[in-house]
Full PDB file with SEQRES, HELIX, SHEET, SSBOND, CRYST1, ORIGX, SCALE, CONECT and MASTER records, all heavy atoms in Angstrom:
SEQRES   1 A   40  PHE GLY VAL ALA GLN ALA ILE GLU LEU ALA ARG ALA LEU          
SEQRES   2 A   40  GLY SER LEU PRO ARG ASP CYS ARG VAL TYR ALA ILE GLU          
SEQRES   3 A   40  GLY GLU SER PHE GLU ALA GLY ALA ALA LEU SER ASP ARG          
SEQRES   4 A   40  VAL                                                          
HELIX    1 AA1 VAL A    3  LEU A   13  1                                  11    
CRYST1    1.000    1.000    1.000  90.00  90.00  90.00 P 1           1          
ORIGX1      1.000000  0.000000  0.000000        0.00000                         
ORIGX2      0.000000  1.000000  0.000000        0.00000                         
ORIGX3      0.000000  0.000000  1.000000        0.00000                         
SCALE1      1.000000  0.000000  0.000000        0.00000                         
SCALE2      0.000000  1.000000  0.000000        0.00000                         
SCALE3      0.000000  0.000000  1.000000        0.00000                         
ATOM      1  N   PHE A   1     -13.688  11.359  -8.191  1.00  0.00           N  
ATOM      2  CA  PHE A   1     -14.515  10.178  -7.948  1.00  0.00           C  
ATOM      3  C   PHE A   1     -13.853   9.062  -8.731  1.00  0.00           C  
ATOM      4  O   PHE A   1     -14.027   8.929  -9.932  1.00  0.00           O  
ATOM      5  CB  PHE A   1     -15.938  10.481  -8.445  1.00  0.00           C  
ATOM      6  CG  PHE A   1     -16.966   9.474  -8.027  1.00  0.00           C  
ATOM      7  CD1 PHE A   1     -17.265   9.284  -6.688  1.00  0.00           C  
ATOM      8  CD2 PHE A   1     -17.637   8.738  -8.972  1.00  0.00           C  
ATOM      9  CE1 PHE A   1     -18.223   8.362  -6.302  1.00  0.00           C  
ATOM     10  CE2 PHE A   1     -18.602   7.814  -8.595  1.00  0.00           C  
ATOM     11  CZ  PHE A   1     -18.894   7.627  -7.266  1.00  0.00           C  
ATOM     12  N   GLY A   2     -12.987   8.258  -8.069  1.00  0.00           N  
ATOM     13  CA  GLY A   2     -12.082   7.371  -8.783  1.00  0.00           C  
ATOM     14  C   GLY A   2     -12.162   5.910  -8.427  1.00  0.00           C  
ATOM     15  O   GLY A   2     -13.235   5.328  -8.334  1.00  0.00           O  
ATOM     16  N   VAL A   3     -10.994   5.298  -8.214  1.00  0.00           N  
ATOM     17  CA  VAL A   3     -10.861   3.850  -8.079  1.00  0.00           C  
ATOM     18  C   VAL A   3     -11.706   3.295  -6.927  1.00  0.00           C  
ATOM     19  O   VAL A   3     -12.482   2.352  -7.124  1.00  0.00           O  
ATOM     20  CB  VAL A   3      -9.380   3.447  -7.926  1.00  0.00           C  
ATOM     21  CG1 VAL A   3      -9.249   1.964  -7.601  1.00  0.00           C  
ATOM     22  CG2 VAL A   3      -8.602   3.784  -9.190  1.00  0.00           C  
ATOM     23  N   ALA A   4     -11.556   3.826  -5.737  1.00  0.00           N  
ATOM     24  CA  ALA A   4     -12.303   3.295  -4.587  1.00  0.00           C  
ATOM     25  C   ALA A   4     -13.806   3.395  -4.814  1.00  0.00           C  
ATOM     26  O   ALA A   4     -14.552   2.452  -4.528  1.00  0.00           O  
ATOM     27  CB  ALA A   4     -11.909   4.033  -3.309  1.00  0.00           C  
ATOM     28  N   GLN A   5     -14.240   4.513  -5.353  1.00  0.00           N  
ATOM     29  CA  GLN A   5     -15.660   4.703  -5.609  1.00  0.00           C  
ATOM     30  C   GLN A   5     -16.150   3.783  -6.730  1.00  0.00           C  
ATOM     31  O   GLN A   5     -17.261   3.261  -6.682  1.00  0.00           O  
ATOM     32  CB  GLN A   5     -15.951   6.166  -5.946  1.00  0.00           C  
ATOM     33  CG  GLN A   5     -15.709   7.103  -4.785  1.00  0.00           C  
ATOM     34  CD  GLN A   5     -14.236   7.502  -4.595  1.00  0.00           C  
ATOM     35  OE1 GLN A   5     -13.376   7.175  -5.404  1.00  0.00           O  
ATOM     36  NE2 GLN A   5     -13.956   8.203  -3.509  1.00  0.00           N  
ATOM     37  N   ALA A   6     -15.304   3.549  -7.738  1.00  0.00           N  
ATOM     38  CA  ALA A   6     -15.666   2.640  -8.824  1.00  0.00           C  
ATOM     39  C   ALA A   6     -15.863   1.223  -8.291  1.00  0.00           C  
ATOM     40  O   ALA A   6     -16.815   0.529  -8.674  1.00  0.00           O  
ATOM     41  CB  ALA A   6     -14.595   2.654  -9.914  1.00  0.00           C  
ATOM     42  N   ILE A   7     -14.986   0.807  -7.420  1.00  0.00           N  
ATOM     43  CA  ILE A   7     -15.095  -0.532  -6.830  1.00  0.00           C  
ATOM     44  C   ILE A   7     -16.401  -0.663  -6.058  1.00  0.00           C  
ATOM     45  O   ILE A   7     -17.141  -1.642  -6.206  1.00  0.00           O  
ATOM     46  CB  ILE A   7     -13.876  -0.830  -5.945  1.00  0.00           C  
ATOM     47  CG1 ILE A   7     -12.635  -1.002  -6.827  1.00  0.00           C  
ATOM     48  CG2 ILE A   7     -14.117  -2.050  -5.058  1.00  0.00           C  
ATOM     49  CD1 ILE A   7     -11.329  -0.940  -6.076  1.00  0.00           C  
ATOM     50  N   GLU A   8     -16.695   0.330  -5.246  1.00  0.00           N  
ATOM     51  CA  GLU A   8     -17.918   0.250  -4.429  1.00  0.00           C  
ATOM     52  C   GLU A   8     -19.173   0.380  -5.285  1.00  0.00           C  
ATOM     53  O   GLU A   8     -20.193  -0.267  -5.007  1.00  0.00           O  
ATOM     54  CB  GLU A   8     -17.885   1.281  -3.308  1.00  0.00           C  
ATOM     55  CG  GLU A   8     -16.787   0.999  -2.294  1.00  0.00           C  
ATOM     56  CD  GLU A   8     -16.741  -0.465  -1.845  1.00  0.00           C  
ATOM     57  OE1 GLU A   8     -17.793  -1.021  -1.444  1.00  0.00           O  
ATOM     58  OE2 GLU A   8     -15.645  -1.070  -1.904  1.00  0.00           O  
ATOM     59  N   LEU A   9     -19.129   1.166  -6.341  1.00  0.00           N  
ATOM     60  CA  LEU A   9     -20.273   1.264  -7.251  1.00  0.00           C  
ATOM     61  C   LEU A   9     -20.493  -0.066  -7.963  1.00  0.00           C  
ATOM     62  O   LEU A   9     -21.622  -0.563  -8.053  1.00  0.00           O  
ATOM     63  CB  LEU A   9     -20.059   2.393  -8.263  1.00  0.00           C  
ATOM     64  CG  LEU A   9     -21.173   2.610  -9.282  1.00  0.00           C  
ATOM     65  CD1 LEU A   9     -22.514   2.863  -8.592  1.00  0.00           C  
ATOM     66  CD2 LEU A   9     -20.809   3.775 -10.205  1.00  0.00           C  
ATOM     67  N   ALA A  10     -19.410  -0.679  -8.449  1.00  0.00           N  
ATOM     68  CA  ALA A  10     -19.524  -1.984  -9.102  1.00  0.00           C  
ATOM     69  C   ALA A  10     -20.058  -3.030  -8.125  1.00  0.00           C  
ATOM     70  O   ALA A  10     -20.890  -3.872  -8.484  1.00  0.00           O  
ATOM     71  CB  ALA A  10     -18.173  -2.414  -9.666  1.00  0.00           C  
ATOM     72  N   ARG A  11     -19.603  -2.957  -6.868  1.00  0.00           N  
ATOM     73  CA  ARG A  11     -20.097  -3.891  -5.848  1.00  0.00           C  
ATOM     74  C   ARG A  11     -21.614  -3.698  -5.654  1.00  0.00           C  
ATOM     75  O   ARG A  11     -22.376  -4.668  -5.625  1.00  0.00           O  
ATOM     76  CB  ARG A  11     -19.356  -3.674  -4.525  1.00  0.00           C  
ATOM     77  CG  ARG A  11     -19.636  -4.737  -3.486  1.00  0.00           C  
ATOM     78  CD  ARG A  11     -19.005  -4.466  -2.115  1.00  0.00           C  
ATOM     79  NE  ARG A  11     -17.693  -3.897  -2.091  1.00  0.00           N  
ATOM     80  CZ  ARG A  11     -16.548  -4.576  -2.275  1.00  0.00           C  
ATOM     81  NH1 ARG A  11     -16.593  -5.868  -2.524  1.00  0.00           N  
ATOM     82  NH2 ARG A  11     -15.386  -3.959  -2.207  1.00  0.00           N  
ATOM     83  N   ALA A  12     -22.043  -2.444  -5.540  1.00  0.00           N  
ATOM     84  CA  ALA A  12     -23.460  -2.153  -5.330  1.00  0.00           C  
ATOM     85  C   ALA A  12     -24.314  -2.593  -6.518  1.00  0.00           C  
ATOM     86  O   ALA A  12     -25.463  -3.020  -6.340  1.00  0.00           O  
ATOM     87  CB  ALA A  12     -23.653  -0.658  -5.072  1.00  0.00           C  
ATOM     88  N   LEU A  13     -23.757  -2.511  -7.713  1.00  0.00           N  
ATOM     89  CA  LEU A  13     -24.478  -2.912  -8.925  1.00  0.00           C  
ATOM     90  C   LEU A  13     -24.407  -4.415  -9.188  1.00  0.00           C  
ATOM     91  O   LEU A  13     -25.031  -4.906 -10.135  1.00  0.00           O  
ATOM     92  CB  LEU A  13     -23.923  -2.159 -10.146  1.00  0.00           C  
ATOM     93  CG  LEU A  13     -24.115  -0.650 -10.148  1.00  0.00           C  
ATOM     94  CD1 LEU A  13     -23.343  -0.017 -11.293  1.00  0.00           C  
ATOM     95  CD2 LEU A  13     -25.607  -0.312 -10.229  1.00  0.00           C  
ATOM     96  N   GLY A  14     -23.638  -5.125  -8.378  1.00  0.00           N  
ATOM     97  CA  GLY A  14     -23.480  -6.558  -8.571  1.00  0.00           C  
ATOM     98  C   GLY A  14     -22.595  -6.923  -9.749  1.00  0.00           C  
ATOM     99  O   GLY A  14     -22.641  -8.039 -10.248  1.00  0.00           O  
ATOM    100  N   SER A  15     -21.744  -5.980 -10.173  1.00  0.00           N  
ATOM    101  CA  SER A  15     -20.887  -6.237 -11.341  1.00  0.00           C  
ATOM    102  C   SER A  15     -19.397  -6.276 -11.012  1.00  0.00           C  
ATOM    103  O   SER A  15     -18.568  -6.340 -11.915  1.00  0.00           O  
ATOM    104  CB  SER A  15     -21.149  -5.184 -12.424  1.00  0.00           C  
ATOM    105  OG  SER A  15     -20.783  -3.888 -11.971  1.00  0.00           O  
ATOM    106  N   LEU A  16     -19.061  -6.260  -9.711  1.00  0.00           N  
ATOM    107  CA  LEU A  16     -17.655  -6.348  -9.335  1.00  0.00           C  
ATOM    108  C   LEU A  16     -17.149  -7.753  -9.666  1.00  0.00           C  
ATOM    109  O   LEU A  16     -17.781  -8.742  -9.312  1.00  0.00           O  
ATOM    110  CB  LEU A  16     -17.475  -6.072  -7.839  1.00  0.00           C  
ATOM    111  CG  LEU A  16     -16.026  -5.958  -7.353  1.00  0.00           C  
ATOM    112  CD1 LEU A  16     -15.375  -4.689  -7.902  1.00  0.00           C  
ATOM    113  CD2 LEU A  16     -15.978  -5.958  -5.831  1.00  0.00           C  
ATOM    114  N   PRO A  17     -16.031  -7.863 -10.371  1.00  0.00           N  
ATOM    115  CA  PRO A  17     -15.499  -9.195 -10.691  1.00  0.00           C  
ATOM    116  C   PRO A  17     -15.270 -10.003  -9.421  1.00  0.00           C  
ATOM    117  O   PRO A  17     -14.969  -9.453  -8.356  1.00  0.00           O  
ATOM    118  CB  PRO A  17     -14.180  -8.888 -11.394  1.00  0.00           C  
ATOM    119  CG  PRO A  17     -14.372  -7.521 -11.956  1.00  0.00           C  
ATOM    120  CD  PRO A  17     -15.224  -6.796 -10.943  1.00  0.00           C  
ATOM    121  N   ARG A  18     -15.367 -11.324  -9.534  1.00  0.00           N  
ATOM    122  CA  ARG A  18     -15.227 -12.187  -8.354  1.00  0.00           C  
ATOM    123  C   ARG A  18     -13.831 -12.116  -7.759  1.00  0.00           C  
ATOM    124  O   ARG A  18     -13.635 -12.404  -6.591  1.00  0.00           O  
ATOM    125  CB  ARG A  18     -15.609 -13.619  -8.677  1.00  0.00           C  
ATOM    126  CG  ARG A  18     -14.755 -14.260  -9.742  1.00  0.00           C  
ATOM    127  CD  ARG A  18     -15.236 -15.645 -10.051  1.00  0.00           C  
ATOM    128  NE  ARG A  18     -14.551 -16.158 -11.228  1.00  0.00           N  
ATOM    129  CZ  ARG A  18     -14.545 -17.406 -11.572  1.00  0.00           C  
ATOM    130  NH1 ARG A  18     -15.193 -18.284 -10.835  1.00  0.00           N  
ATOM    131  NH2 ARG A  18     -13.919 -17.799 -12.644  1.00  0.00           N  
ATOM    132  N   ASP A  19     -12.838 -11.755  -8.563  1.00  0.00           N  
ATOM    133  CA  ASP A  19     -11.466 -11.549  -8.083  1.00  0.00           C  
ATOM    134  C   ASP A  19     -11.057 -10.155  -8.519  1.00  0.00           C  
ATOM    135  O   ASP A  19     -10.879  -9.890  -9.703  1.00  0.00           O  
ATOM    136  CB  ASP A  19     -10.533 -12.607  -8.684  1.00  0.00           C  
ATOM    137  CG  ASP A  19      -9.087 -12.474  -8.198  1.00  0.00           C  
ATOM    138  OD1 ASP A  19      -8.783 -11.528  -7.439  1.00  0.00           O  
ATOM    139  OD2 ASP A  19      -8.261 -13.315  -8.593  1.00  0.00           O  
ATOM    140  N   CYS A  20     -10.945  -9.256  -7.569  1.00  0.00           N  
ATOM    141  CA  CYS A  20     -10.582  -7.868  -7.873  1.00  0.00           C  
ATOM    142  C   CYS A  20      -9.530  -7.412  -6.868  1.00  0.00           C  
ATOM    143  O   CYS A  20      -9.757  -7.476  -5.660  1.00  0.00           O  
ATOM    144  CB  CYS A  20     -11.813  -6.971  -7.811  1.00  0.00           C  
ATOM    145  SG  CYS A  20     -11.520  -5.289  -8.411  1.00  0.00           S  
ATOM    146  N   ARG A  21      -8.375  -7.016  -7.391  1.00  0.00           N  
ATOM    147  CA  ARG A  21      -7.277  -6.581  -6.535  1.00  0.00           C  
ATOM    148  C   ARG A  21      -6.770  -5.212  -6.988  1.00  0.00           C  
ATOM    149  O   ARG A  21      -6.756  -4.916  -8.175  1.00  0.00           O  
ATOM    150  CB  ARG A  21      -6.126  -7.584  -6.594  1.00  0.00           C  
ATOM    151  CG  ARG A  21      -6.447  -8.877  -5.881  1.00  0.00           C  
ATOM    152  CD  ARG A  21      -5.367  -9.898  -6.045  1.00  0.00           C  
ATOM    153  NE  ARG A  21      -5.761 -10.786  -7.145  1.00  0.00           N  
ATOM    154  CZ  ARG A  21      -4.942 -11.562  -7.819  1.00  0.00           C  
ATOM    155  NH1 ARG A  21      -3.657 -11.578  -7.538  1.00  0.00           N  
ATOM    156  NH2 ARG A  21      -5.391 -12.332  -8.775  1.00  0.00           N  
ATOM    157  N   VAL A  22      -6.327  -4.438  -6.022  1.00  0.00           N  
ATOM    158  CA  VAL A  22      -5.733  -3.131  -6.287  1.00  0.00           C  
ATOM    159  C   VAL A  22      -4.284  -3.170  -5.834  1.00  0.00           C  
ATOM    160  O   VAL A  22      -3.992  -3.529  -4.693  1.00  0.00           O  
ATOM    161  CB  VAL A  22      -6.490  -1.995  -5.562  1.00  0.00           C  
ATOM    162  CG1 VAL A  22      -5.761  -0.662  -5.740  1.00  0.00           C  
ATOM    163  CG2 VAL A  22      -7.930  -1.901  -6.068  1.00  0.00           C  
ATOM    164  N   TYR A  23      -3.394  -2.810  -6.754  1.00  0.00           N  
ATOM    165  CA  TYR A  23      -1.974  -2.644  -6.456  1.00  0.00           C  
ATOM    166  C   TYR A  23      -1.757  -1.143  -6.309  1.00  0.00           C  
ATOM    167  O   TYR A  23      -1.932  -0.390  -7.264  1.00  0.00           O  
ATOM    168  CB  TYR A  23      -1.109  -3.185  -7.596  1.00  0.00           C  
ATOM    169  CG  TYR A  23      -1.115  -4.685  -7.722  1.00  0.00           C  
ATOM    170  CD1 TYR A  23      -2.221  -5.362  -8.233  1.00  0.00           C  
ATOM    171  CD2 TYR A  23      -0.011  -5.432  -7.329  1.00  0.00           C  
ATOM    172  CE1 TYR A  23      -2.225  -6.748  -8.356  1.00  0.00           C  
ATOM    173  CE2 TYR A  23      -0.009  -6.820  -7.448  1.00  0.00           C  
ATOM    174  CZ  TYR A  23      -1.119  -7.465  -7.962  1.00  0.00           C  
ATOM    175  OH  TYR A  23      -1.115  -8.829  -8.081  1.00  0.00           O  
ATOM    176  N   ALA A  24      -1.415  -0.712  -5.108  1.00  0.00           N  
ATOM    177  CA  ALA A  24      -1.203   0.713  -4.827  1.00  0.00           C  
ATOM    178  C   ALA A  24       0.284   0.976  -4.651  1.00  0.00           C  
ATOM    179  O   ALA A  24       0.951   0.298  -3.862  1.00  0.00           O  
ATOM    180  CB  ALA A  24      -1.965   1.109  -3.565  1.00  0.00           C  
ATOM    181  N   ILE A  25       0.790   1.955  -5.396  1.00  0.00           N  
ATOM    182  CA  ILE A  25       2.198   2.353  -5.306  1.00  0.00           C  
ATOM    183  C   ILE A  25       2.245   3.752  -4.713  1.00  0.00           C  
ATOM    184  O   ILE A  25       1.668   4.697  -5.266  1.00  0.00           O  
ATOM    185  CB  ILE A  25       2.875   2.346  -6.694  1.00  0.00           C  
ATOM    186  CG1 ILE A  25       2.816   0.949  -7.312  1.00  0.00           C  
ATOM    187  CG2 ILE A  25       4.316   2.845  -6.582  1.00  0.00           C  
ATOM    188  CD1 ILE A  25       3.321   0.881  -8.756  1.00  0.00           C  
ATOM    189  N   GLU A  26       2.906   3.869  -3.562  1.00  0.00           N  
ATOM    190  CA  GLU A  26       2.997   5.167  -2.895  1.00  0.00           C  
ATOM    191  C   GLU A  26       3.813   6.149  -3.723  1.00  0.00           C  
ATOM    192  O   GLU A  26       4.936   5.853  -4.117  1.00  0.00           O  
ATOM    193  CB  GLU A  26       3.648   5.014  -1.522  1.00  0.00           C  
ATOM    194  CG  GLU A  26       2.808   4.249  -0.530  1.00  0.00           C  
ATOM    195  CD  GLU A  26       1.544   4.964  -0.108  1.00  0.00           C  
ATOM    196  OE1 GLU A  26       1.499   6.218  -0.156  1.00  0.00           O  
ATOM    197  OE2 GLU A  26       0.592   4.259   0.264  1.00  0.00           O  
ATOM    198  N   GLY A  27       3.232   7.307  -3.984  1.00  0.00           N  
ATOM    199  CA  GLY A  27       3.901   8.337  -4.762  1.00  0.00           C  
ATOM    200  C   GLY A  27       4.672   9.312  -3.891  1.00  0.00           C  
ATOM    201  O   GLY A  27       4.483   9.386  -2.681  1.00  0.00           O  
ATOM    202  N   GLU A  28       5.535  10.052  -4.550  1.00  0.00           N  
ATOM    203  CA  GLU A  28       6.341  11.079  -3.874  1.00  0.00           C  
ATOM    204  C   GLU A  28       5.973  12.467  -4.384  1.00  0.00           C  
ATOM    205  O   GLU A  28       5.823  13.400  -3.624  1.00  0.00           O  
ATOM    206  CB  GLU A  28       7.818  10.792  -4.125  1.00  0.00           C  
ATOM    207  CG  GLU A  28       8.769  11.731  -3.451  1.00  0.00           C  
ATOM    208  CD  GLU A  28      10.220  11.302  -3.605  1.00  0.00           C  
ATOM    209  OE1 GLU A  28      10.511  10.375  -4.385  1.00  0.00           O  
ATOM    210  OE2 GLU A  28      11.060  11.901  -2.929  1.00  0.00           O  
ATOM    211  N   SER A  29       5.834  12.598  -5.707  1.00  0.00           N  
ATOM    212  CA  SER A  29       5.561  13.889  -6.315  1.00  0.00           C  
ATOM    213  C   SER A  29       4.468  13.738  -7.371  1.00  0.00           C  
ATOM    214  O   SER A  29       4.538  12.862  -8.230  1.00  0.00           O  
ATOM    215  CB  SER A  29       6.833  14.432  -6.978  1.00  0.00           C  
ATOM    216  OG  SER A  29       6.531  15.581  -7.745  1.00  0.00           O  
ATOM    217  N   PHE A  30       3.492  14.615  -7.286  1.00  0.00           N  
ATOM    218  CA  PHE A  30       2.375  14.589  -8.235  1.00  0.00           C  
ATOM    219  C   PHE A  30       2.304  15.912  -9.003  1.00  0.00           C  
ATOM    220  O   PHE A  30       1.244  16.319  -9.456  1.00  0.00           O  
ATOM    221  CB  PHE A  30       1.069  14.318  -7.484  1.00  0.00           C  
ATOM    222  CG  PHE A  30       1.043  12.961  -6.835  1.00  0.00           C  
ATOM    223  CD1 PHE A  30       1.517  12.788  -5.538  1.00  0.00           C  
ATOM    224  CD2 PHE A  30       0.566  11.858  -7.512  1.00  0.00           C  
ATOM    225  CE1 PHE A  30       1.506  11.537  -4.932  1.00  0.00           C  
ATOM    226  CE2 PHE A  30       0.551  10.600  -6.915  1.00  0.00           C  
ATOM    227  CZ  PHE A  30       1.018  10.440  -5.627  1.00  0.00           C  
ATOM    228  N   GLU A  31       3.452  16.552  -9.147  1.00  0.00           N  
ATOM    229  CA  GLU A  31       3.533  17.849  -9.819  1.00  0.00           C  
ATOM    230  C   GLU A  31       3.287  17.716 -11.313  1.00  0.00           C  
ATOM    231  O   GLU A  31       3.762  16.785 -11.962  1.00  0.00           O  
ATOM    232  CB  GLU A  31       4.914  18.474  -9.594  1.00  0.00           C  
ATOM    233  CG  GLU A  31       5.232  18.783  -8.146  1.00  0.00           C  
ATOM    234  CD  GLU A  31       4.303  19.812  -7.542  1.00  0.00           C  
ATOM    235  OE1 GLU A  31       3.972  20.815  -8.224  1.00  0.00           O  
ATOM    236  OE2 GLU A  31       3.871  19.614  -6.399  1.00  0.00           O  
ATOM    237  N   ALA A  32       2.576  18.682 -11.861  1.00  0.00           N  
ATOM    238  CA  ALA A  32       2.324  18.702 -13.305  1.00  0.00           C  
ATOM    239  C   ALA A  32       3.644  18.771 -14.060  1.00  0.00           C  
ATOM    240  O   ALA A  32       4.541  19.541 -13.704  1.00  0.00           O  
ATOM    241  CB  ALA A  32       1.448  19.890 -13.666  1.00  0.00           C  
ATOM    242  N   GLY A  33       3.775  17.933 -15.068  1.00  0.00           N  
ATOM    243  CA  GLY A  33       4.960  17.925 -15.916  1.00  0.00           C  
ATOM    244  C   GLY A  33       6.135  17.127 -15.391  1.00  0.00           C  
ATOM    245  O   GLY A  33       7.133  16.965 -16.085  1.00  0.00           O  
ATOM    246  N   ALA A  34       6.034  16.612 -14.168  1.00  0.00           N  
ATOM    247  CA  ALA A  34       7.145  15.858 -13.577  1.00  0.00           C  
ATOM    248  C   ALA A  34       7.167  14.426 -14.111  1.00  0.00           C  
ATOM    249  O   ALA A  34       6.151  13.876 -14.529  1.00  0.00           O  
ATOM    250  CB  ALA A  34       7.023  15.839 -12.054  1.00  0.00           C  
ATOM    251  N   ALA A  35       8.343  13.821 -14.081  1.00  0.00           N  
ATOM    252  CA  ALA A  35       8.498  12.407 -14.423  1.00  0.00           C  
ATOM    253  C   ALA A  35       8.279  11.573 -13.165  1.00  0.00           C  
ATOM    254  O   ALA A  35       8.178  12.112 -12.055  1.00  0.00           O  
ATOM    255  CB  ALA A  35       9.905  12.166 -14.976  1.00  0.00           C  
ATOM    256  N   LEU A  36       8.236  10.250 -13.329  1.00  0.00           N  
ATOM    257  CA  LEU A  36       8.166   9.380 -12.162  1.00  0.00           C  
ATOM    258  C   LEU A  36       9.407   9.580 -11.309  1.00  0.00           C  
ATOM    259  O   LEU A  36      10.519   9.707 -11.828  1.00  0.00           O  
ATOM    260  CB  LEU A  36       8.102   7.910 -12.586  1.00  0.00           C  
ATOM    261  CG  LEU A  36       6.827   7.407 -13.269  1.00  0.00           C  
ATOM    262  CD1 LEU A  36       7.005   5.943 -13.666  1.00  0.00           C  
ATOM    263  CD2 LEU A  36       5.617   7.576 -12.385  1.00  0.00           C  
ATOM    264  N   SER A  37       9.237   9.590 -10.003  1.00  0.00           N  
ATOM    265  CA  SER A  37      10.383   9.671  -9.100  1.00  0.00           C  
ATOM    266  C   SER A  37      11.161   8.359  -9.174  1.00  0.00           C  
ATOM    267  O   SER A  37      10.634   7.326  -9.598  1.00  0.00           O  
ATOM    268  CB  SER A  37       9.923   9.942  -7.668  1.00  0.00           C  
ATOM    269  OG  SER A  37       9.190   8.838  -7.176  1.00  0.00           O  
ATOM    270  N   ASP A  38      12.414   8.377  -8.765  1.00  0.00           N  
ATOM    271  CA  ASP A  38      13.254   7.181  -8.825  1.00  0.00           C  
ATOM    272  C   ASP A  38      12.668   6.021  -8.018  1.00  0.00           C  
ATOM    273  O   ASP A  38      12.673   4.877  -8.465  1.00  0.00           O  
ATOM    274  CB  ASP A  38      14.671   7.485  -8.326  1.00  0.00           C  
ATOM    275  CG  ASP A  38      15.435   8.396  -9.273  1.00  0.00           C  
ATOM    276  OD1 ASP A  38      15.043   8.498 -10.464  1.00  0.00           O  
ATOM    277  OD2 ASP A  38      16.426   9.007  -8.829  1.00  0.00           O  
ATOM    278  N   ARG A  39      12.166   6.312  -6.824  1.00  0.00           N  
ATOM    279  CA  ARG A  39      11.622   5.241  -5.979  1.00  0.00           C  
ATOM    280  C   ARG A  39      10.364   4.627  -6.581  1.00  0.00           C  
ATOM    281  O   ARG A  39      10.165   3.418  -6.517  1.00  0.00           O  
ATOM    282  CB  ARG A  39      11.351   5.765  -4.574  1.00  0.00           C  
ATOM    283  CG  ARG A  39      12.655   6.038  -3.819  1.00  0.00           C  
ATOM    284  CD  ARG A  39      12.377   6.257  -2.374  1.00  0.00           C  
ATOM    285  NE  ARG A  39      12.448   7.692  -2.097  1.00  0.00           N  
ATOM    286  CZ  ARG A  39      12.338   8.221  -0.897  1.00  0.00           C  
ATOM    287  NH1 ARG A  39      12.116   7.452   0.147  1.00  0.00           N  
ATOM    288  NH2 ARG A  39      12.437   9.507  -0.727  1.00  0.00           N  
ATOM    289  N   VAL A  40       9.539   5.458  -7.196  1.00  0.00           N  
ATOM    290  CA  VAL A  40       8.322   4.936  -7.828  1.00  0.00           C  
ATOM    291  C   VAL A  40       8.680   4.171  -9.097  1.00  0.00           C  
ATOM    292  O   VAL A  40       8.113   3.111  -9.369  1.00  0.00           O  
ATOM    293  CB  VAL A  40       7.304   6.068  -8.086  1.00  0.00           C  
ATOM    294  CG1 VAL A  40       6.163   5.601  -8.983  1.00  0.00           C  
ATOM    295  CG2 VAL A  40       6.773   6.588  -6.754  1.00  0.00           C  
TER     296      VAL A  40                                                      
MASTER        0    0    0    1    0    0    0    6  295    1    0    4          
END                                                                             
């Protein structure tokens, strides 16, 4: 229950900042212990 849900909960509570932006970076590998991939 993360970022998208937090945004919508804040919106429902009337506490979402007037300017709210999400920068999404597409991942390649989410393996435990791995470093960031070169492209990321």
